[in-house]
Amino acid sequence: FLVRERKTWNDLTDAVSGSEEPWARKPPAIDPERVNPLVLVQHLIGEYVALAPHQLLAASLWALHTHVYAQFAVTPRLVLRSPTAATGKTTLLDVLSQLVRKPKKTGAITTAALARVIDATHPTMLIDEADNLNVTLQHNGRLRTLFNEGHRVGGNDVILERGVAREFSIFAPLALALRALVVSHFDY
């Protein structure tokens, strides 16, 4: 900056002490109009996906929550569901992937891989086509348990690695896109 403005350290000292050089002036006393983040996120989501007002509000609040979730004891799950295909669930996940903190979008993942990804980077997980993961079936109860456990601080999963039990921290925001009625099997 000093070189670009052809100034020296002495000029910088003068600027800090009250110089009226244009490059050293204080910002105006009146703050410019601020943007409400919730209104902005609602607008951005609404540009791409048609949602009822309460759905738009919930998705927007959830997206903003992902940026501060670590400050809370619980992070709610966002479940996008509809009775048919091609209703905008994937589009909403795509839009959310541009708005949430550290997005990690996937269409298929195993329980062990999900635990490892969350433990390593604590991303915002965006899981599309979650009904294909068969979370309601008895044989996939571990994945369902991971979804349920990861919504609270301290949520963890223990996986056996080379004969040694390793604990994974699984507290992270999570959105699932799936067809209707599957969601009734979650505990939250």
N, C-alpha and C. Protein backbone atom coordinates (compact mmCIF):
# COMPACT_ATOMS: atom_id res chain seq x y z
N PHE A 1 0.82 -1.18 0.00
CA PHE A 1 0.00 0.00 0.00
C PHE A 1 0.88 1.26 0.00
N LEU A 2 1.87 1.29 0.86
CA LEU A 2 2.73 2.48 0.94
C LEU A 2 3.44 2.73 -0.38
N VAL A 3 3.94 1.68 -1.02
CA VAL A 3 4.64 1.84 -2.29
C VAL A 3 3.67 2.32 -3.35
N ARG A 4 2.49 1.68 -3.40
CA ARG A 4 1.49 2.07 -4.41
C ARG A 4 1.10 3.53 -4.27
N GLU A 5 0.97 4.01 -3.05
CA GLU A 5 0.57 5.40 -2.80
C GLU A 5 1.77 6.35 -2.74
N ARG A 6 2.97 5.78 -2.95
CA ARG A 6 4.22 6.56 -2.88
C ARG A 6 4.34 7.28 -1.54
N LYS A 7 4.12 6.51 -0.49
CA LYS A 7 4.20 7.03 0.87
C LYS A 7 5.30 6.29 1.61
N THR A 8 5.72 6.90 2.73
CA THR A 8 6.73 6.29 3.59
C THR A 8 6.07 5.93 4.92
N TRP A 9 6.85 5.27 5.79
CA TRP A 9 6.33 4.95 7.10
C TRP A 9 6.00 6.22 7.89
N ASN A 10 6.75 7.29 7.65
CA ASN A 10 6.45 8.55 8.32
C ASN A 10 5.09 9.08 7.88
N ASP A 11 4.76 8.93 6.59
CA ASP A 11 3.44 9.35 6.12
C ASP A 11 2.34 8.54 6.79
N LEU A 12 2.62 7.26 6.99
CA LEU A 12 1.64 6.40 7.64
C LEU A 12 1.42 6.86 9.08
N THR A 13 2.48 7.21 9.76
CA THR A 13 2.36 7.71 11.13
C THR A 13 1.54 9.00 11.15
N ASP A 14 1.78 9.89 10.19
CA ASP A 14 0.99 11.13 10.09
C ASP A 14 -0.48 10.81 9.86
N ALA A 15 -0.75 9.81 9.04
CA ALA A 15 -2.13 9.45 8.73
C ALA A 15 -2.86 8.95 9.97
N VAL A 16 -2.17 8.16 10.75
CA VAL A 16 -2.79 7.63 11.96
C VAL A 16 -3.03 8.74 12.97
N SER A 17 -2.17 9.75 12.96
CA SER A 17 -2.31 10.83 13.93
C SER A 17 -3.25 11.92 13.47
N GLY A 18 -3.92 11.76 12.32
CA GLY A 18 -4.93 12.73 11.94
C GLY A 18 -4.70 13.44 10.63
N SER A 19 -3.86 12.97 9.78
CA SER A 19 -3.64 13.58 8.47
C SER A 19 -4.94 13.59 7.68
N GLU A 20 -5.11 14.56 6.82
CA GLU A 20 -6.31 14.66 6.00
C GLU A 20 -6.05 14.18 4.57
N GLU A 21 -5.01 13.38 4.36
CA GLU A 21 -4.76 12.83 3.03
C GLU A 21 -5.97 11.98 2.63
N PRO A 22 -6.39 12.02 1.37
CA PRO A 22 -7.58 11.27 0.95
C PRO A 22 -7.48 9.77 1.25
N TRP A 23 -6.29 9.22 1.12
CA TRP A 23 -6.14 7.79 1.34
C TRP A 23 -6.19 7.42 2.82
N ALA A 24 -6.12 8.39 3.70
CA ALA A 24 -6.08 8.12 5.13
C ALA A 24 -7.34 8.58 5.86
N ARG A 25 -8.32 9.05 5.15
CA ARG A 25 -9.55 9.55 5.80
C ARG A 25 -10.32 8.41 6.46
N LYS A 26 -10.97 8.78 7.54
CA LYS A 26 -11.82 7.82 8.25
C LYS A 26 -13.08 7.59 7.42
N PRO A 27 -13.70 6.43 7.57
CA PRO A 27 -14.95 6.20 6.85
C PRO A 27 -16.03 7.15 7.35
N PRO A 28 -17.04 7.38 6.56
CA PRO A 28 -18.11 8.30 6.99
C PRO A 28 -18.75 7.84 8.30
N ALA A 29 -19.24 8.79 9.06
CA ALA A 29 -19.84 8.49 10.36
C ALA A 29 -21.13 7.68 10.20
N ILE A 30 -21.82 7.86 9.10
CA ILE A 30 -23.07 7.14 8.87
C ILE A 30 -22.76 5.82 8.16
N ASP A 31 -23.17 4.73 8.78
CA ASP A 31 -22.96 3.43 8.15
C ASP A 31 -23.86 3.29 6.93
N PRO A 32 -23.35 2.64 5.90
CA PRO A 32 -24.23 2.36 4.76
C PRO A 32 -25.32 1.38 5.20
N GLU A 33 -26.39 1.32 4.45
CA GLU A 33 -27.48 0.42 4.78
C GLU A 33 -26.96 -1.02 4.77
N ARG A 34 -27.30 -1.75 5.80
CA ARG A 34 -26.82 -3.12 5.92
C ARG A 34 -27.84 -4.10 5.33
N VAL A 35 -27.34 -5.22 4.88
CA VAL A 35 -28.20 -6.25 4.31
C VAL A 35 -28.54 -7.26 5.39
N ASN A 36 -29.79 -7.62 5.47
CA ASN A 36 -30.23 -8.64 6.41
C ASN A 36 -29.89 -10.00 5.80
N PRO A 37 -29.01 -10.79 6.44
CA PRO A 37 -28.59 -12.07 5.86
C PRO A 37 -29.76 -13.02 5.60
N LEU A 38 -30.75 -13.05 6.49
CA LEU A 38 -31.88 -13.95 6.30
C LEU A 38 -32.66 -13.57 5.05
N VAL A 39 -32.90 -12.29 4.86
CA VAL A 39 -33.63 -11.84 3.68
C VAL A 39 -32.85 -12.17 2.41
N LEU A 40 -31.54 -11.98 2.46
CA LEU A 40 -30.70 -12.29 1.31
C LEU A 40 -30.74 -13.78 0.97
N VAL A 41 -30.59 -14.64 1.96
CA VAL A 41 -30.61 -16.09 1.72
C VAL A 41 -31.99 -16.52 1.22
N GLN A 42 -33.05 -15.98 1.80
CA GLN A 42 -34.40 -16.30 1.31
C GLN A 42 -34.54 -15.90 -0.15
N HIS A 43 -34.04 -14.75 -0.50
CA HIS A 43 -34.12 -14.29 -1.89
C HIS A 43 -33.35 -15.24 -2.81
N LEU A 44 -32.14 -15.60 -2.42
CA LEU A 44 -31.32 -16.46 -3.27
C LEU A 44 -31.95 -17.84 -3.46
N ILE A 45 -32.46 -18.42 -2.40
CA ILE A 45 -33.11 -19.74 -2.53
C ILE A 45 -34.38 -19.60 -3.37
N GLY A 46 -35.16 -18.56 -3.10
CA GLY A 46 -36.41 -18.34 -3.82
C GLY A 46 -36.24 -18.09 -5.31
N GLU A 47 -35.05 -17.66 -5.72
CA GLU A 47 -34.79 -17.45 -7.14
C GLU A 47 -34.72 -18.76 -7.91
N TYR A 48 -34.41 -19.86 -7.23
CA TYR A 48 -34.19 -21.13 -7.91
C TYR A 48 -35.20 -22.23 -7.57
N VAL A 49 -35.84 -22.12 -6.41
CA VAL A 49 -36.74 -23.18 -5.97
C VAL A 49 -38.04 -22.56 -5.48
N ALA A 50 -39.16 -23.12 -5.91
CA ALA A 50 -40.47 -22.65 -5.46
C ALA A 50 -40.83 -23.39 -4.17
N LEU A 51 -40.88 -22.66 -3.08
CA LEU A 51 -41.21 -23.23 -1.78
C LEU A 51 -42.32 -22.42 -1.14
N ALA A 52 -43.08 -23.05 -0.27
CA ALA A 52 -44.05 -22.33 0.54
C ALA A 52 -43.27 -21.40 1.47
N PRO A 53 -43.88 -20.29 1.91
CA PRO A 53 -43.14 -19.35 2.77
C PRO A 53 -42.50 -19.99 4.00
N HIS A 54 -43.20 -20.90 4.67
CA HIS A 54 -42.63 -21.53 5.86
C HIS A 54 -41.47 -22.46 5.50
N GLN A 55 -41.53 -23.09 4.34
CA GLN A 55 -40.43 -23.95 3.89
C GLN A 55 -39.21 -23.11 3.53
N LEU A 56 -39.44 -21.98 2.87
CA LEU A 56 -38.35 -21.08 2.51
C LEU A 56 -37.67 -20.53 3.75
N LEU A 57 -38.45 -20.16 4.74
CA LEU A 57 -37.90 -19.67 6.00
C LEU A 57 -37.07 -20.75 6.70
N ALA A 58 -37.60 -21.97 6.76
CA ALA A 58 -36.87 -23.06 7.43
C ALA A 58 -35.56 -23.35 6.73
N ALA A 59 -35.57 -23.45 5.40
CA ALA A 59 -34.34 -23.75 4.65
C ALA A 59 -33.33 -22.62 4.81
N SER A 60 -33.80 -21.38 4.81
CA SER A 60 -32.90 -20.23 4.95
C SER A 60 -32.28 -20.16 6.33
N LEU A 61 -33.09 -20.36 7.36
CA LEU A 61 -32.56 -20.37 8.73
C LEU A 61 -31.55 -21.49 8.91
N TRP A 62 -31.85 -22.66 8.34
CA TRP A 62 -30.93 -23.79 8.46
C TRP A 62 -29.60 -23.47 7.78
N ALA A 63 -29.67 -22.87 6.57
CA ALA A 63 -28.43 -22.52 5.85
C ALA A 63 -27.58 -21.56 6.67
N LEU A 64 -28.20 -20.56 7.27
CA LEU A 64 -27.45 -19.62 8.10
C LEU A 64 -26.91 -20.31 9.36
N HIS A 65 -27.70 -21.21 9.92
CA HIS A 65 -27.29 -21.94 11.13
C HIS A 65 -26.00 -22.72 10.90
N THR A 66 -25.79 -23.23 9.69
CA THR A 66 -24.59 -24.04 9.43
C THR A 66 -23.30 -23.25 9.67
N HIS A 67 -23.38 -21.94 9.59
CA HIS A 67 -22.19 -21.11 9.79
C HIS A 67 -21.86 -20.91 11.27
N VAL A 68 -22.83 -21.18 12.13
CA VAL A 68 -22.62 -20.97 13.57
C VAL A 68 -23.02 -22.19 14.41
N TYR A 69 -23.23 -23.33 13.78
CA TYR A 69 -23.76 -24.50 14.48
C TYR A 69 -22.89 -24.92 15.66
N ALA A 70 -21.59 -24.70 15.57
CA ALA A 70 -20.69 -25.13 16.65
C ALA A 70 -20.94 -24.36 17.95
N GLN A 71 -21.70 -23.27 17.88
CA GLN A 71 -22.02 -22.49 19.07
C GLN A 71 -23.23 -23.04 19.82
N PHE A 72 -23.84 -24.09 19.28
CA PHE A 72 -25.07 -24.64 19.85
C PHE A 72 -24.87 -26.09 20.28
N ALA A 73 -25.74 -26.56 21.15
CA ALA A 73 -25.68 -27.94 21.61
C ALA A 73 -26.32 -28.90 20.61
N VAL A 74 -27.18 -28.37 19.75
CA VAL A 74 -27.91 -29.20 18.79
C VAL A 74 -27.88 -28.52 17.43
N THR A 75 -27.74 -29.30 16.38
CA THR A 75 -27.88 -28.79 15.03
C THR A 75 -29.03 -29.56 14.37
N PRO A 76 -30.09 -28.86 13.99
CA PRO A 76 -31.24 -29.57 13.43
C PRO A 76 -30.92 -30.17 12.07
N ARG A 77 -31.60 -31.25 11.76
CA ARG A 77 -31.48 -31.89 10.45
C ARG A 77 -32.50 -31.24 9.52
N LEU A 78 -32.09 -30.99 8.29
CA LEU A 78 -33.01 -30.48 7.28
C LEU A 78 -33.37 -31.66 6.39
N VAL A 79 -34.64 -32.01 6.39
CA VAL A 79 -35.09 -33.13 5.57
C VAL A 79 -35.97 -32.58 4.46
N LEU A 80 -35.54 -32.78 3.23
CA LEU A 80 -36.28 -32.34 2.05
C LEU A 80 -37.00 -33.57 1.51
N ARG A 81 -38.30 -33.53 1.50
CA ARG A 81 -39.03 -34.70 1.05
C ARG A 81 -40.22 -34.31 0.19
N SER A 82 -40.56 -35.22 -0.70
CA SER A 82 -41.74 -35.07 -1.54
C SER A 82 -42.18 -36.46 -1.97
N PRO A 83 -43.45 -36.60 -2.34
CA PRO A 83 -43.93 -37.93 -2.71
C PRO A 83 -43.47 -38.40 -4.09
N THR A 84 -42.95 -37.49 -4.91
CA THR A 84 -42.55 -37.86 -6.26
C THR A 84 -41.16 -37.33 -6.58
N ALA A 85 -40.63 -37.83 -7.68
CA ALA A 85 -39.33 -37.36 -8.16
C ALA A 85 -39.53 -36.02 -8.90
N ALA A 86 -38.42 -35.36 -9.17
CA ALA A 86 -38.39 -34.13 -9.98
C ALA A 86 -39.23 -33.00 -9.39
N THR A 87 -39.11 -32.80 -8.07
CA THR A 87 -39.85 -31.73 -7.42
C THR A 87 -38.94 -30.61 -6.92
N GLY A 88 -37.64 -30.70 -7.17
CA GLY A 88 -36.73 -29.62 -6.80
C GLY A 88 -35.83 -29.91 -5.61
N LYS A 89 -35.87 -31.12 -5.08
CA LYS A 89 -35.03 -31.44 -3.91
C LYS A 89 -33.54 -31.31 -4.25
N THR A 90 -33.15 -31.86 -5.37
CA THR A 90 -31.74 -31.78 -5.78
C THR A 90 -31.35 -30.34 -6.09
N THR A 91 -32.24 -29.61 -6.73
CA THR A 91 -31.95 -28.20 -7.02
C THR A 91 -31.77 -27.42 -5.73
N LEU A 92 -32.61 -27.68 -4.74
CA LEU A 92 -32.47 -26.99 -3.46
C LEU A 92 -31.13 -27.36 -2.81
N LEU A 93 -30.73 -28.62 -2.87
CA LEU A 93 -29.42 -29.00 -2.33
C LEU A 93 -28.30 -28.29 -3.07
N ASP A 94 -28.43 -28.16 -4.39
CA ASP A 94 -27.41 -27.44 -5.16
C ASP A 94 -27.31 -25.98 -4.74
N VAL A 95 -28.45 -25.34 -4.53
CA VAL A 95 -28.44 -23.94 -4.08
C VAL A 95 -27.85 -23.85 -2.68
N LEU A 96 -28.27 -24.75 -1.80
CA LEU A 96 -27.74 -24.75 -0.43
C LEU A 96 -26.23 -24.97 -0.43
N SER A 97 -25.73 -25.75 -1.36
CA SER A 97 -24.29 -26.01 -1.39
C SER A 97 -23.49 -24.75 -1.65
N GLN A 98 -24.14 -23.72 -2.18
CA GLN A 98 -23.47 -22.44 -2.40
C GLN A 98 -23.63 -21.49 -1.20
N LEU A 99 -24.50 -21.85 -0.27
CA LEU A 99 -24.83 -20.94 0.84
C LEU A 99 -24.36 -21.42 2.21
N VAL A 100 -24.15 -22.71 2.36
CA VAL A 100 -23.82 -23.25 3.68
C VAL A 100 -22.31 -23.25 3.92
N ARG A 101 -21.94 -23.48 5.15
CA ARG A 101 -20.52 -23.56 5.55
C ARG A 101 -19.96 -24.92 5.14
N LYS A 102 -18.84 -24.93 4.49
CA LYS A 102 -18.10 -26.15 4.12
C LYS A 102 -19.02 -27.26 3.57
N PRO A 103 -19.66 -27.02 2.43
CA PRO A 103 -20.58 -28.04 1.90
C PRO A 103 -19.86 -29.29 1.42
N LYS A 104 -20.49 -30.44 1.67
CA LYS A 104 -20.02 -31.72 1.15
C LYS A 104 -21.27 -32.45 0.64
N LYS A 105 -21.46 -32.41 -0.67
CA LYS A 105 -22.65 -33.00 -1.27
C LYS A 105 -22.33 -34.37 -1.84
N THR A 106 -23.23 -35.33 -1.58
CA THR A 106 -23.03 -36.68 -2.09
C THR A 106 -24.38 -37.32 -2.35
N GLY A 107 -24.38 -38.30 -3.23
CA GLY A 107 -25.58 -39.04 -3.52
C GLY A 107 -25.55 -40.43 -2.93
N ALA A 108 -24.40 -40.87 -2.49
CA ALA A 108 -24.27 -42.20 -1.88
C ALA A 108 -23.06 -42.18 -0.96
N ILE A 109 -23.24 -42.78 0.22
CA ILE A 109 -22.14 -42.82 1.17
C ILE A 109 -22.38 -43.96 2.16
N THR A 110 -21.33 -44.57 2.62
CA THR A 110 -21.46 -45.62 3.62
C THR A 110 -21.37 -44.99 5.01
N THR A 111 -21.76 -45.75 6.00
CA THR A 111 -21.71 -45.27 7.38
C THR A 111 -20.27 -44.93 7.78
N ALA A 112 -19.35 -45.82 7.48
CA ALA A 112 -17.95 -45.59 7.86
C ALA A 112 -17.39 -44.36 7.14
N ALA A 113 -17.69 -44.21 5.86
CA ALA A 113 -17.19 -43.06 5.11
C ALA A 113 -17.78 -41.77 5.65
N LEU A 114 -19.06 -41.78 5.98
CA LEU A 114 -19.70 -40.58 6.52
C LEU A 114 -19.06 -40.19 7.85
N ALA A 115 -18.82 -41.15 8.72
CA ALA A 115 -18.18 -40.87 10.01
C ALA A 115 -16.79 -40.29 9.81
N ARG A 116 -16.03 -40.83 8.88
CA ARG A 116 -14.67 -40.35 8.63
C ARG A 116 -14.68 -38.93 8.05
N VAL A 117 -15.57 -38.66 7.09
CA VAL A 117 -15.64 -37.34 6.47
C VAL A 117 -16.01 -36.29 7.50
N ILE A 118 -17.02 -36.58 8.31
CA ILE A 118 -17.45 -35.61 9.32
C ILE A 118 -16.35 -35.39 10.35
N ASP A 119 -15.74 -36.46 10.83
CA ASP A 119 -14.68 -36.33 11.83
C ASP A 119 -13.50 -35.52 11.30
N ALA A 120 -13.17 -35.70 10.03
CA ALA A 120 -11.99 -35.04 9.46
C ALA A 120 -12.19 -33.54 9.24
N THR A 121 -13.37 -33.15 8.74
CA THR A 121 -13.53 -31.73 8.34
C THR A 121 -14.76 -31.04 8.90
N HIS A 122 -15.64 -31.77 9.56
CA HIS A 122 -16.90 -31.22 10.08
C HIS A 122 -17.59 -30.33 9.04
N PRO A 123 -17.91 -30.92 7.87
CA PRO A 123 -18.58 -30.16 6.83
C PRO A 123 -20.08 -30.09 7.08
N THR A 124 -20.77 -29.38 6.21
CA THR A 124 -22.22 -29.46 6.16
C THR A 124 -22.53 -30.55 5.14
N MET A 125 -23.07 -31.66 5.60
CA MET A 125 -23.37 -32.79 4.72
C MET A 125 -24.70 -32.57 4.01
N LEU A 126 -24.67 -32.69 2.69
CA LEU A 126 -25.85 -32.57 1.86
C LEU A 126 -26.00 -33.91 1.13
N ILE A 127 -26.94 -34.72 1.57
CA ILE A 127 -27.08 -36.06 1.02
C ILE A 127 -28.32 -36.14 0.15
N ASP A 128 -28.09 -36.31 -1.14
CA ASP A 128 -29.17 -36.42 -2.11
C ASP A 128 -29.56 -37.88 -2.27
N GLU A 129 -30.81 -38.11 -2.66
CA GLU A 129 -31.30 -39.47 -2.89
C GLU A 129 -31.09 -40.35 -1.65
N ALA A 130 -31.34 -39.80 -0.49
CA ALA A 130 -31.11 -40.54 0.76
C ALA A 130 -32.00 -41.76 0.87
N ASP A 131 -33.12 -41.79 0.16
CA ASP A 131 -33.97 -42.98 0.20
C ASP A 131 -33.26 -44.19 -0.41
N ASN A 132 -32.27 -43.95 -1.26
CA ASN A 132 -31.48 -45.05 -1.83
C ASN A 132 -30.52 -45.67 -0.80
N LEU A 133 -30.29 -44.98 0.30
CA LEU A 133 -29.41 -45.50 1.34
C LEU A 133 -30.13 -46.51 2.24
N ASN A 134 -31.44 -46.65 2.03
CA ASN A 134 -32.24 -47.62 2.79
C ASN A 134 -32.12 -47.41 4.30
N VAL A 135 -32.23 -46.17 4.73
CA VAL A 135 -32.08 -45.89 6.15
C VAL A 135 -33.21 -46.46 6.99
N THR A 136 -34.31 -46.82 6.35
CA THR A 136 -35.43 -47.38 7.11
C THR A 136 -35.32 -48.88 7.29
N LEU A 137 -34.45 -49.50 6.54
CA LEU A 137 -34.32 -50.95 6.66
C LEU A 137 -33.49 -51.32 7.88
N GLN A 138 -33.81 -52.45 8.45
CA GLN A 138 -33.13 -52.90 9.67
C GLN A 138 -31.63 -53.02 9.47
N HIS A 139 -31.19 -53.49 8.30
CA HIS A 139 -29.75 -53.70 8.09
C HIS A 139 -28.97 -52.40 8.01
N ASN A 140 -29.64 -51.27 7.88
CA ASN A 140 -28.92 -50.01 7.80
C ASN A 140 -29.18 -49.15 9.05
N GLY A 141 -29.44 -49.81 10.15
CA GLY A 141 -29.69 -49.09 11.39
C GLY A 141 -28.49 -48.28 11.86
N ARG A 142 -27.26 -48.69 11.50
CA ARG A 142 -26.07 -47.92 11.90
C ARG A 142 -26.06 -46.55 11.24
N LEU A 143 -26.44 -46.49 9.97
CA LEU A 143 -26.47 -45.20 9.28
C LEU A 143 -27.54 -44.30 9.90
N ARG A 144 -28.69 -44.86 10.18
CA ARG A 144 -29.77 -44.11 10.82
C ARG A 144 -29.31 -43.61 12.19
N THR A 145 -28.61 -44.46 12.92
CA THR A 145 -28.09 -44.07 14.23
C THR A 145 -27.08 -42.93 14.08
N LEU A 146 -26.24 -42.98 13.08
CA LEU A 146 -25.27 -41.92 12.85
C LEU A 146 -25.97 -40.59 12.56
N PHE A 147 -27.03 -40.64 11.74
CA PHE A 147 -27.82 -39.42 11.47
C PHE A 147 -28.39 -38.86 12.77
N ASN A 148 -28.91 -39.74 13.62
CA ASN A 148 -29.52 -39.30 14.87
C ASN A 148 -28.49 -38.81 15.89
N GLU A 149 -27.37 -39.52 16.03
CA GLU A 149 -26.35 -39.16 17.01
C GLU A 149 -25.62 -37.87 16.67
N GLY A 150 -25.45 -37.59 15.40
CA GLY A 150 -24.65 -36.44 14.98
C GLY A 150 -25.30 -35.09 15.14
N HIS A 151 -26.54 -35.06 15.62
CA HIS A 151 -27.20 -33.76 15.76
C HIS A 151 -26.93 -33.09 17.11
N ARG A 152 -26.23 -33.78 18.01
CA ARG A 152 -25.90 -33.22 19.33
C ARG A 152 -24.39 -33.11 19.52
N VAL A 153 -23.99 -32.08 20.27
CA VAL A 153 -22.58 -31.96 20.63
C VAL A 153 -22.18 -33.23 21.36
N GLY A 154 -21.03 -33.74 21.03
CA GLY A 154 -20.56 -34.97 21.66
C GLY A 154 -20.99 -36.22 20.95
N GLY A 155 -21.83 -36.07 19.91
CA GLY A 155 -22.24 -37.24 19.14
C GLY A 155 -21.02 -37.92 18.55
N ASN A 156 -20.96 -39.23 18.68
CA ASN A 156 -19.80 -39.94 18.15
C ASN A 156 -20.20 -41.31 17.62
N ASP A 157 -19.32 -41.88 16.87
CA ASP A 157 -19.48 -43.21 16.33
C ASP A 157 -18.17 -43.95 16.56
N VAL A 158 -18.24 -45.20 16.90
CA VAL A 158 -17.03 -45.99 17.13
C VAL A 158 -16.94 -47.03 16.02
N ILE A 159 -15.81 -47.03 15.33
CA ILE A 159 -15.58 -47.96 14.23
C ILE A 159 -14.29 -48.72 14.51
N LEU A 160 -14.33 -50.00 14.24
CA LEU A 160 -13.15 -50.84 14.42
C LEU A 160 -12.23 -50.67 13.22
N GLU A 161 -11.00 -50.22 13.47
CA GLU A 161 -9.99 -50.04 12.42
C GLU A 161 -8.78 -50.89 12.76
N ARG A 162 -8.52 -51.87 11.93
CA ARG A 162 -7.36 -52.76 12.13
C ARG A 162 -7.33 -53.33 13.54
N GLY A 163 -8.49 -53.73 14.03
CA GLY A 163 -8.58 -54.36 15.33
C GLY A 163 -8.62 -53.41 16.51
N VAL A 164 -8.60 -52.10 16.24
CA VAL A 164 -8.62 -51.11 17.32
C VAL A 164 -9.87 -50.24 17.17
N ALA A 165 -10.62 -50.07 18.24
CA ALA A 165 -11.81 -49.23 18.22
C ALA A 165 -11.38 -47.76 18.18
N ARG A 166 -11.93 -47.03 17.22
CA ARG A 166 -11.63 -45.61 17.09
C ARG A 166 -12.92 -44.82 17.15
N GLU A 167 -12.91 -43.75 17.94
CA GLU A 167 -14.08 -42.90 18.09
C GLU A 167 -14.02 -41.74 17.11
N PHE A 168 -15.13 -41.50 16.42
CA PHE A 168 -15.23 -40.41 15.45
C PHE A 168 -16.24 -39.39 15.94
N SER A 169 -15.87 -38.11 15.89
CA SER A 169 -16.80 -37.03 16.23
C SER A 169 -17.71 -36.81 15.02
N ILE A 170 -19.03 -36.92 15.21
CA ILE A 170 -19.96 -36.84 14.08
C ILE A 170 -20.96 -35.69 14.22
N PHE A 171 -20.66 -34.71 15.05
CA PHE A 171 -21.55 -33.55 15.21
C PHE A 171 -21.34 -32.62 14.02
N ALA A 172 -22.37 -32.49 13.18
CA ALA A 172 -22.28 -31.63 12.00
C ALA A 172 -23.67 -31.41 11.43
N PRO A 173 -23.88 -30.29 10.71
CA PRO A 173 -25.15 -30.07 10.04
C PRO A 173 -25.34 -31.10 8.92
N LEU A 174 -26.59 -31.49 8.70
CA LEU A 174 -26.90 -32.52 7.72
C LEU A 174 -28.24 -32.24 7.08
N ALA A 175 -28.28 -32.31 5.76
CA ALA A 175 -29.54 -32.21 5.01
C ALA A 175 -29.70 -33.48 4.20
N LEU A 176 -30.91 -34.00 4.21
CA LEU A 176 -31.22 -35.22 3.46
C LEU A 176 -32.35 -34.92 2.48
N ALA A 177 -32.19 -35.33 1.24
CA ALA A 177 -33.26 -35.23 0.26
C ALA A 177 -33.76 -36.65 -0.01
N LEU A 178 -35.06 -36.87 0.21
CA LEU A 178 -35.63 -38.19 0.04
C LEU A 178 -37.11 -38.11 -0.25
N ARG A 179 -37.69 -39.22 -0.63
CA ARG A 179 -39.12 -39.26 -0.90
C ARG A 179 -39.88 -39.31 0.41
N ALA A 180 -41.13 -38.89 0.39
CA ALA A 180 -41.98 -38.80 1.59
C ALA A 180 -42.15 -40.15 2.28
N LEU A 181 -42.51 -40.10 3.51
CA LEU A 181 -42.81 -41.23 4.38
C LEU A 181 -41.57 -41.90 4.94
N VAL A 182 -40.43 -41.80 4.29
CA VAL A 182 -39.21 -42.40 4.81
C VAL A 182 -38.77 -41.69 6.08
N VAL A 183 -39.04 -40.39 6.17
CA VAL A 183 -38.56 -39.58 7.28
C VAL A 183 -39.18 -39.99 8.61
N SER A 184 -40.32 -40.67 8.59
CA SER A 184 -40.99 -41.02 9.84
C SER A 184 -40.16 -41.95 10.72
N HIS A 185 -39.12 -42.53 10.18
CA HIS A 185 -38.30 -43.47 10.96
C HIS A 185 -37.14 -42.79 11.70
N PHE A 186 -36.98 -41.49 11.54
CA PHE A 186 -35.92 -40.78 12.27
C PHE A 186 -36.43 -40.37 13.64
N ASP A 187 -35.54 -40.26 14.60
CA ASP A 187 -35.93 -39.94 15.96
C ASP A 187 -36.17 -38.45 16.20
N TYR A 188 -35.68 -37.59 15.34
CA TYR A 188 -35.80 -36.15 15.61
C TYR A 188 -36.97 -35.56 14.91
